[in-house]
Amino acid sequence: MRRVGGRRYFATLAGYPEHEDVRAFPRGGGGLKGGYFVEPTVFADVTPEMRISREEIFGPVLCILKYDDVDEAVALANNTEFGLGGLVFGQDPETALAVADRMDTGSVGIKLLRVQPRRSVRRPP
């Protein structure tokens, strides 16, 4: 759970699933003693035209949008009024940097992923 900035902002976060046709996992939280708290939540079935995909949400919230290629992914990342920050995941540093350079945001992080061959794990008898 994470505390959010008061009753009005809590109401905004809680209203996303009702006002947009998205699935939320989990959907909860509430006014607990000492403030308003929101459980970490993943919104699925989000599309680019939805308000929830364009607004900066300050809370433990993640929106999942589907894309078919890098150009579409960059367009989705740039589909916000504020664009305070972004993150590029990739295996190749040059490709990740090229994508980050196309993002219109205040700061961009790059997370390089290593793909390791699958190893079988022997369990003791």
Protein backbone atom coordinates (compact mmCIF):
# COMPACT_ATOMS: atom_id res chain seq x y z
CA MET A 1 0.00 0.00 0.00
CA ARG A 2 1.07 3.56 -0.63
CA ARG A 3 -0.32 6.75 0.76
CA VAL A 4 -1.62 9.16 -1.86
CA GLY A 5 -2.19 12.90 -1.63
CA GLY A 6 -5.55 13.17 0.06
CA ARG A 7 -9.23 12.48 -0.44
CA ARG A 8 -9.57 14.25 -3.80
CA TYR A 9 -6.61 12.46 -5.40
CA PHE A 10 -7.71 9.14 -3.89
CA ALA A 11 -11.13 9.64 -5.51
CA THR A 12 -9.43 10.31 -8.86
CA LEU A 13 -7.41 7.09 -8.65
CA ALA A 14 -10.39 5.05 -7.49
CA GLY A 15 -12.49 6.43 -10.37
CA TYR A 16 -10.28 5.28 -13.23
CA PRO A 17 -11.73 1.74 -13.49
CA GLU A 18 -15.30 3.04 -13.35
CA HIS A 19 -14.83 5.80 -15.96
CA GLU A 20 -12.73 3.83 -18.41
CA ASP A 21 -13.26 0.30 -19.68
CA VAL A 22 -10.19 -1.22 -18.00
CA ARG A 23 -9.51 -4.16 -15.72
CA ALA A 24 -7.72 -3.40 -12.45
CA PHE A 25 -5.68 -5.94 -10.45
CA PRO A 26 -6.19 -5.49 -7.48
CA ARG A 27 -8.63 -2.72 -7.01
CA GLY A 28 -8.80 -1.52 -3.48
CA GLY A 29 -7.39 0.61 -0.75
CA GLY A 30 -9.34 3.12 1.18
CA GLY A 31 -9.27 5.83 3.74
CA LEU A 32 -7.19 4.26 6.47
CA LYS A 33 -6.36 5.99 9.71
CA GLY A 34 -3.79 8.65 8.97
CA GLY A 35 -4.44 9.06 5.26
CA TYR A 36 -5.62 7.58 1.99
CA PHE A 37 -3.89 4.48 0.69
CA VAL A 38 -3.92 2.64 -2.63
CA GLU A 39 -2.81 -0.94 -3.17
CA PRO A 40 -0.33 -1.54 -6.01
CA THR A 41 -2.60 -1.80 -9.05
CA VAL A 42 -2.13 -2.91 -12.66
CA PHE A 43 -4.59 -1.59 -15.24
CA ALA A 44 -5.05 -3.88 -18.25
CA ASP A 45 -6.89 -3.33 -21.56
CA VAL A 46 -5.71 0.31 -21.66
CA THR A 47 -5.79 2.05 -25.05
CA PRO A 48 -3.94 5.22 -26.14
CA GLU A 49 -7.04 7.40 -26.25
CA MET A 50 -7.96 6.70 -22.62
CA ARG A 51 -7.32 9.40 -20.05
CA ILE A 52 -5.56 6.90 -17.80
CA SER A 53 -2.88 6.26 -20.47
CA ARG A 54 -2.07 9.97 -20.94
CA GLU A 55 -2.09 11.29 -17.37
CA GLU A 56 0.83 11.08 -14.95
CA ILE A 57 -0.42 8.99 -12.04
CA PHE A 58 1.41 9.43 -8.76
CA GLY A 59 0.74 6.18 -6.98
CA PRO A 60 1.60 2.51 -7.14
CA VAL A 61 -0.10 2.14 -10.52
CA LEU A 62 0.96 0.57 -13.83
CA CYS A 63 -0.93 0.78 -17.14
CA ILE A 64 -0.42 -1.93 -19.76
CA LEU A 65 -0.72 -0.85 -23.40
CA LYS A 66 -0.05 -3.16 -26.34
CA TYR A 67 2.10 -2.16 -29.30
CA ASP A 68 3.29 -3.86 -32.48
CA ASP A 69 6.64 -2.17 -33.17
CA VAL A 70 9.15 0.32 -31.78
CA ASP A 71 7.59 3.27 -33.64
CA GLU A 72 4.24 2.59 -32.01
CA ALA A 73 5.88 2.14 -28.59
CA VAL A 74 7.60 5.53 -28.89
CA ALA A 75 4.33 7.16 -29.97
CA LEU A 76 2.62 5.68 -26.90
CA ALA A 77 5.40 6.92 -24.62
CA ASN A 78 5.08 10.42 -26.08
CA ASN A 79 1.27 10.46 -25.74
CA THR A 80 1.23 12.50 -22.53
CA GLU A 81 0.98 16.18 -21.76
CA PHE A 82 3.65 16.15 -19.09
CA GLY A 83 6.18 13.38 -19.87
CA LEU A 84 8.14 13.66 -16.64
CA GLY A 85 10.01 10.38 -17.01
CA GLY A 86 10.29 7.16 -18.96
CA LEU A 87 12.11 3.86 -18.99
CA VAL A 88 13.39 1.72 -21.88
CA PHE A 89 14.00 -1.99 -21.38
CA GLY A 90 16.22 -3.78 -23.88
CA GLN A 91 19.07 -6.20 -24.52
CA ASP A 92 21.17 -4.10 -26.90
CA PRO A 93 22.58 -0.84 -25.46
CA GLU A 94 22.71 0.97 -28.83
CA THR A 95 19.11 0.11 -29.70
CA ALA A 96 17.88 1.08 -26.21
CA LEU A 97 19.71 4.42 -26.45
CA ALA A 98 18.25 5.08 -29.92
CA VAL A 99 14.73 4.49 -28.55
CA ALA A 100 15.41 6.68 -25.50
CA ASP A 101 16.60 9.50 -27.79
CA ARG A 102 13.19 9.51 -29.52
CA MET A 103 11.23 9.88 -26.28
CA ASP A 104 9.93 13.36 -25.45
CA THR A 105 10.36 13.25 -21.68
CA GLY A 106 12.21 14.99 -18.90
CA SER A 107 14.38 11.99 -18.09
CA VAL A 108 14.76 8.51 -19.50
CA GLY A 109 16.29 5.49 -17.83
CA ILE A 110 17.63 2.47 -19.67
CA LYS A 111 17.43 -1.00 -18.17
CA LEU A 112 19.51 -3.58 -20.01
CA LEU A 113 18.31 -7.14 -19.67
CA ARG A 114 20.55 -10.14 -19.93
CA VAL A 115 19.05 -13.24 -21.36
CA GLN A 116 20.65 -16.24 -19.76
CA PRO A 117 20.32 -19.74 -21.10
CA ARG A 118 17.90 -21.84 -19.18
CA ARG A 119 19.69 -24.01 -16.69
CA SER A 120 18.29 -27.14 -15.24
CA VAL A 121 18.39 -27.22 -11.51
CA ARG A 122 19.07 -30.50 -9.85
CA ARG A 123 17.28 -31.02 -6.65
CA PRO A 124 18.85 -33.19 -4.00
CA PRO A 125 17.13 -36.58 -3.57
